[in-house]
Protein backbone atom coordinates (compact mmCIF):
# COMPACT_ATOMS: atom_id res chain seq x y z
CA MET A 1 -10.12 -3.19 38.60
CA LEU A 2 -7.09 -5.27 37.72
CA GLY A 3 -9.18 -7.11 35.14
CA ASN A 4 -10.21 -3.83 33.52
CA PHE A 5 -6.60 -2.75 33.44
CA ARG A 6 -5.61 -5.96 31.66
CA CYS A 7 -8.36 -5.48 29.08
CA TRP A 8 -7.28 -1.91 28.53
CA THR A 9 -3.65 -2.82 28.01
CA SER A 10 -4.47 -5.65 25.58
CA ASP A 11 -6.77 -3.58 23.35
CA SER A 12 -4.91 -0.31 23.61
CA PHE A 13 -1.46 -1.76 23.07
CA HIS A 14 -2.56 -3.46 19.87
CA ARG A 15 -3.97 -0.18 18.60
CA HIS A 16 -0.72 1.53 19.49
CA TYR A 17 1.24 -1.11 17.57
CA HIS A 18 -0.80 -0.42 14.45
CA LEU A 19 -0.54 3.35 14.87
CA HIS A 20 3.21 3.08 15.37
CA ILE A 21 3.60 1.16 12.10
CA GLN A 22 1.39 3.66 10.29
CA GLU A 23 3.46 6.56 11.57
CA ARG A 24 6.78 4.90 10.76
CA THR A 25 5.78 3.90 7.22
CA ALA A 26 4.27 7.32 6.52
CA ALA A 27 7.49 9.00 7.69
CA ALA A 28 9.53 6.65 5.49
CA THR A 29 7.37 7.44 2.46
CA ARG A 30 7.79 11.17 3.04
CA THR A 31 11.55 10.65 3.19
CA ILE A 32 11.45 8.82 -0.15
CA HIS A 33 9.72 11.83 -1.71
CA GLN A 34 12.44 14.10 -0.39
CA ILE A 35 15.19 12.20 -2.23
CA SER A 36 15.76 14.03 -5.49
CA ASP A 37 16.65 12.47 -8.85
CA LEU A 38 16.14 8.86 -7.80
CA THR A 39 15.68 7.86 -11.43
CA ARG A 40 19.10 9.33 -12.28
CA LEU A 41 20.91 7.02 -9.89
CA SER A 42 22.08 3.60 -10.93
CA LEU A 43 19.86 0.89 -9.53
CA GLU A 44 22.81 -0.50 -7.57
CA THR A 45 23.47 2.86 -5.91
CA ALA A 46 19.79 3.57 -5.28
CA MET A 47 19.29 0.26 -3.47
CA VAL A 48 21.80 1.32 -0.82
CA LEU A 49 19.33 3.97 0.35
CA PRO A 50 16.62 1.69 1.76
CA LYS A 51 19.08 0.04 4.13
CA THR A 52 20.87 3.23 5.18
CA VAL A 53 18.10 5.85 5.09
CA ILE A 54 14.64 4.27 4.92
CA THR A 55 14.92 1.13 7.05
CA PRO A 56 16.08 2.93 10.23
CA ILE A 57 12.89 4.99 10.06
CA VAL A 58 10.62 2.00 9.47
CA THR A 59 12.22 -0.26 12.08
CA TYR A 60 12.40 2.22 14.96
CA GLY A 61 11.21 0.22 17.98
CA ILE A 62 10.21 -2.76 15.86
CA THR A 63 12.14 -5.29 17.94
CA LEU A 64 9.76 -4.60 20.83
CA ILE A 65 6.56 -5.18 18.88
CA TRP A 66 7.56 -7.54 16.04
CA LYS A 67 5.80 -10.58 17.53
CA LYS A 68 2.58 -8.56 17.85
CA LEU A 69 2.46 -7.28 14.28
CA THR A 70 -0.37 -8.56 12.11
CA LEU A 71 -0.40 -9.40 8.40
CA THR A 72 -1.88 -5.96 7.76
CA ASP A 73 1.00 -4.30 9.60
CA LEU A 74 3.57 -6.26 7.62
CA GLU A 75 1.81 -5.47 4.34
CA ARG A 76 2.02 -1.80 5.23
CA ILE A 77 5.75 -2.15 5.84
CA GLU A 78 6.20 -4.00 2.55
CA LYS A 79 4.55 -1.14 0.66
CA VAL A 80 7.45 1.14 1.60
CA LYS A 81 9.97 -0.74 -0.49
CA ALA A 82 7.48 -1.20 -3.32
CA HIS A 83 6.95 2.56 -3.34
CA PHE A 84 10.68 3.22 -3.29
CA LEU A 85 11.22 0.87 -6.24
CA LYS A 86 8.48 2.55 -8.24
CA CYS A 87 10.06 5.95 -7.64
CA THR A 88 13.50 4.64 -8.59
CA LEU A 89 12.29 2.89 -11.73
CA GLY A 90 10.09 5.81 -12.77
CA ILE A 91 6.93 3.71 -12.68
CA GLY A 92 3.43 4.89 -11.74
CA ARG A 93 2.25 4.23 -8.19
CA ASN A 94 -0.61 1.97 -9.34
CA ALA A 95 1.60 -0.51 -11.17
CA LEU A 96 1.59 -4.05 -9.82
CA SER A 97 4.30 -4.41 -7.21
CA ARG A 98 5.02 -8.01 -8.17
CA LEU A 99 6.23 -6.81 -11.58
CA VAL A 100 8.31 -4.03 -10.05
CA TYR A 101 10.11 -6.43 -7.70
CA GLU A 102 10.88 -8.79 -10.57
CA MET A 103 12.13 -5.99 -12.80
CA ALA A 104 14.43 -4.69 -10.08
CA ARG A 105 15.38 -8.25 -9.05
CA GLU A 106 14.77 -7.36 -5.43
CA THR A 107 13.77 -9.37 -2.37
CA PHE A 108 10.75 -8.61 -0.19
CA TYR A 109 11.22 -5.84 2.35
CA VAL A 110 9.96 -7.68 5.42
CA GLU A 111 12.39 -10.46 4.58
CA ASP A 112 15.25 -7.94 4.36
CA ILE A 113 14.28 -6.44 7.71
CA ARG A 114 13.92 -9.76 9.51
CA LEU A 115 17.33 -10.99 8.34
CA GLN A 116 19.02 -7.65 9.00
CA ILE A 117 17.77 -7.36 12.58
CA LEU A 118 17.51 -11.13 13.23
CA LEU A 119 13.82 -11.17 14.10
CA GLN A 120 11.65 -14.22 14.66
CA SER A 121 9.78 -15.82 11.79
CA THR A 122 6.21 -15.24 12.96
CA GLN A 123 3.07 -16.68 11.39
CA PRO A 124 1.96 -13.33 9.87
CA TYR A 125 5.45 -13.03 8.38
CA LYS A 126 5.16 -16.50 6.82
CA ASP A 127 1.67 -15.69 5.55
CA LEU A 128 2.87 -12.50 3.90
CA LEU A 129 5.74 -14.24 2.09
CA GLU A 130 3.41 -17.01 0.94
CA ARG A 131 0.91 -14.46 -0.33
CA ARG A 132 3.61 -12.54 -2.18
CA GLU A 133 5.00 -15.70 -3.74
CA ASP A 134 1.52 -16.71 -4.89
CA LYS A 135 1.15 -13.36 -6.64
CA ARG A 136 4.59 -13.69 -8.20
CA ARG A 137 3.59 -17.00 -9.74
CA THR A 138 0.73 -15.31 -11.59
CA ILE A 139 3.11 -13.17 -13.68
CA ASP A 140 2.75 -13.81 -17.40
CA PRO A 141 5.92 -15.48 -18.76
CA ASP A 142 5.93 -12.96 -21.60
CA PHE A 143 6.84 -10.28 -19.07
CA TYR A 144 10.29 -11.85 -18.70
CA ALA A 145 10.90 -11.34 -22.42
CA THR A 146 10.34 -7.56 -22.34
CA GLY A 147 13.19 -5.16 -23.02
CA ALA A 148 13.50 -4.02 -19.42
CA ILE A 149 14.14 -7.59 -18.28
CA VAL A 150 16.44 -8.65 -21.11
CA ASP A 151 18.49 -5.46 -21.53
CA ARG A 152 19.65 -4.04 -18.19
CA ASN A 153 21.28 -0.85 -19.48
CA TRP A 154 18.45 1.18 -17.96
CA THR A 155 19.76 0.23 -14.49
CA LYS A 156 22.89 2.36 -15.02
CA GLU A 157 23.21 5.96 -13.88
CA ASN A 158 21.80 8.93 -15.83
CA GLN A 159 19.48 6.85 -18.01
CA THR A 160 17.01 9.51 -19.14
CA GLN A 161 14.76 6.96 -20.87
CA ARG A 162 14.50 4.65 -17.87
CA HIS A 163 10.87 5.52 -17.23
CA ALA A 164 9.90 4.82 -20.85
CA ILE A 165 11.55 1.39 -20.82
CA THR A 166 10.20 0.30 -17.45
CA ARG A 167 6.69 1.62 -18.02
CA PHE A 168 6.38 -0.06 -21.39
CA ALA A 169 7.38 -3.39 -19.86
CA ILE A 170 4.69 -3.07 -17.18
CA HIS A 171 1.95 -0.98 -18.79
CA GLY A 172 2.30 -1.57 -22.52
CA PHE A 173 -0.05 0.53 -24.65
CA HIS A 174 -3.36 -0.63 -23.22
CA HIS A 175 -4.11 2.75 -21.64
CA LYS A 176 -3.56 4.38 -25.03
CA LEU A 177 -6.21 2.20 -26.68
CA CYS A 178 -8.76 2.14 -23.88
CA LYS A 179 -11.24 4.93 -23.08
CA THR A 180 -9.95 4.85 -19.50
CA LYS A 181 -6.72 6.79 -19.90
CA SER A 182 -5.32 6.38 -16.38
CA TYR A 183 -3.31 3.24 -15.69
CA HIS A 184 -5.38 0.16 -14.92
CA GLU A 185 -5.33 -3.58 -15.52
CA PRO A 186 -7.27 -4.79 -18.59
CA CYS A 187 -10.70 -6.13 -17.62
CA GLU A 188 -14.12 -6.93 -19.03
CA SER A 189 -15.28 -3.31 -18.68
CA CYS A 190 -12.49 -1.95 -20.90
CA VAL A 191 -13.73 -0.17 -24.03
CA SER A 192 -11.73 0.62 -27.15
CA ALA A 193 -11.44 4.38 -27.68
CA GLU A 194 -11.58 3.99 -31.48
CA LYS A 195 -14.28 1.37 -32.06
CA GLY A 196 -16.28 1.64 -28.85
CA SER A 197 -16.24 -2.13 -28.44
CA THR A 198 -15.51 -4.00 -25.25
CA TYR A 199 -12.65 -6.42 -25.00
CA ARG A 200 -10.93 -8.50 -22.38
CA ASP A 201 -7.24 -9.26 -21.94
CA ASP A 202 -6.68 -12.95 -21.16
CA ASP A 203 -3.93 -11.94 -18.76
CA ASP A 204 -6.44 -10.33 -16.42
CA ASP A 205 -5.17 -9.94 -12.88
CA ASP A 206 -6.64 -8.79 -9.61
CA ASP A 207 -5.73 -5.34 -8.41
CA ASP A 208 -2.98 -5.53 -5.82
CA ASP A 209 -4.01 -4.27 -2.41
CA ASP A 210 -0.30 -3.79 -1.81
CA ASP A 211 -0.17 -0.96 -4.33
CA ASP A 212 -2.32 1.59 -2.53
CA ASP A 213 0.08 4.04 -0.93
CA ASP A 214 -1.18 6.17 1.93
CA ASP A 215 0.81 9.26 1.14
CA ASP A 216 1.30 11.66 -1.72
CA ASN A 217 1.64 10.54 -5.32
CA ASN A 218 5.02 9.54 -6.65
CA ASN A 219 6.79 12.82 -7.42
CA ASN A 220 9.53 11.11 -9.34
CA THR A 221 7.37 9.92 -12.24
């Protein structure tokens, strides 16, 4: 009977860890949606909110389960900051997070949390940072020459054209030329709306699995 109890606690506790992270990140995302006029705030002011409002929700009880969290759990946590940045910058939810982090000049969320609470550097944590850094290295150098990177005026408060500047830097006009009008990365299946011909962008990139939010669409874009 004791053996069965041990098996139950091992399996069940791990499921509870995952459910806890899902609940905490979902609650944090809902809170982000409740913050009005994020795009009207200066980027400096907006970035105070994750630490003071969002992080306490995400990290509730995390010190007790941190060592048990998997790479999937940490990826889910990381999505919270990526989602917040997209709302603040006025960018669509399907944009690549690696570009959003670079545009905002922000650090990874799990790194912020670990340093803030002084948590152990676990193997899943190291794997996540390595994975994120690998994705960052795939960014086309031309991205760093776009207006949103060079001219930082859009980061100030009450910048009504922020979304236009940031979206152009990330999306360009591909979705205007392609038959697929919703945002997507250029690929071999893309078809020109005018000529009906297929074409491929040499800067093809895999779709980020870190960009699929579990909650409602960004209501700030």
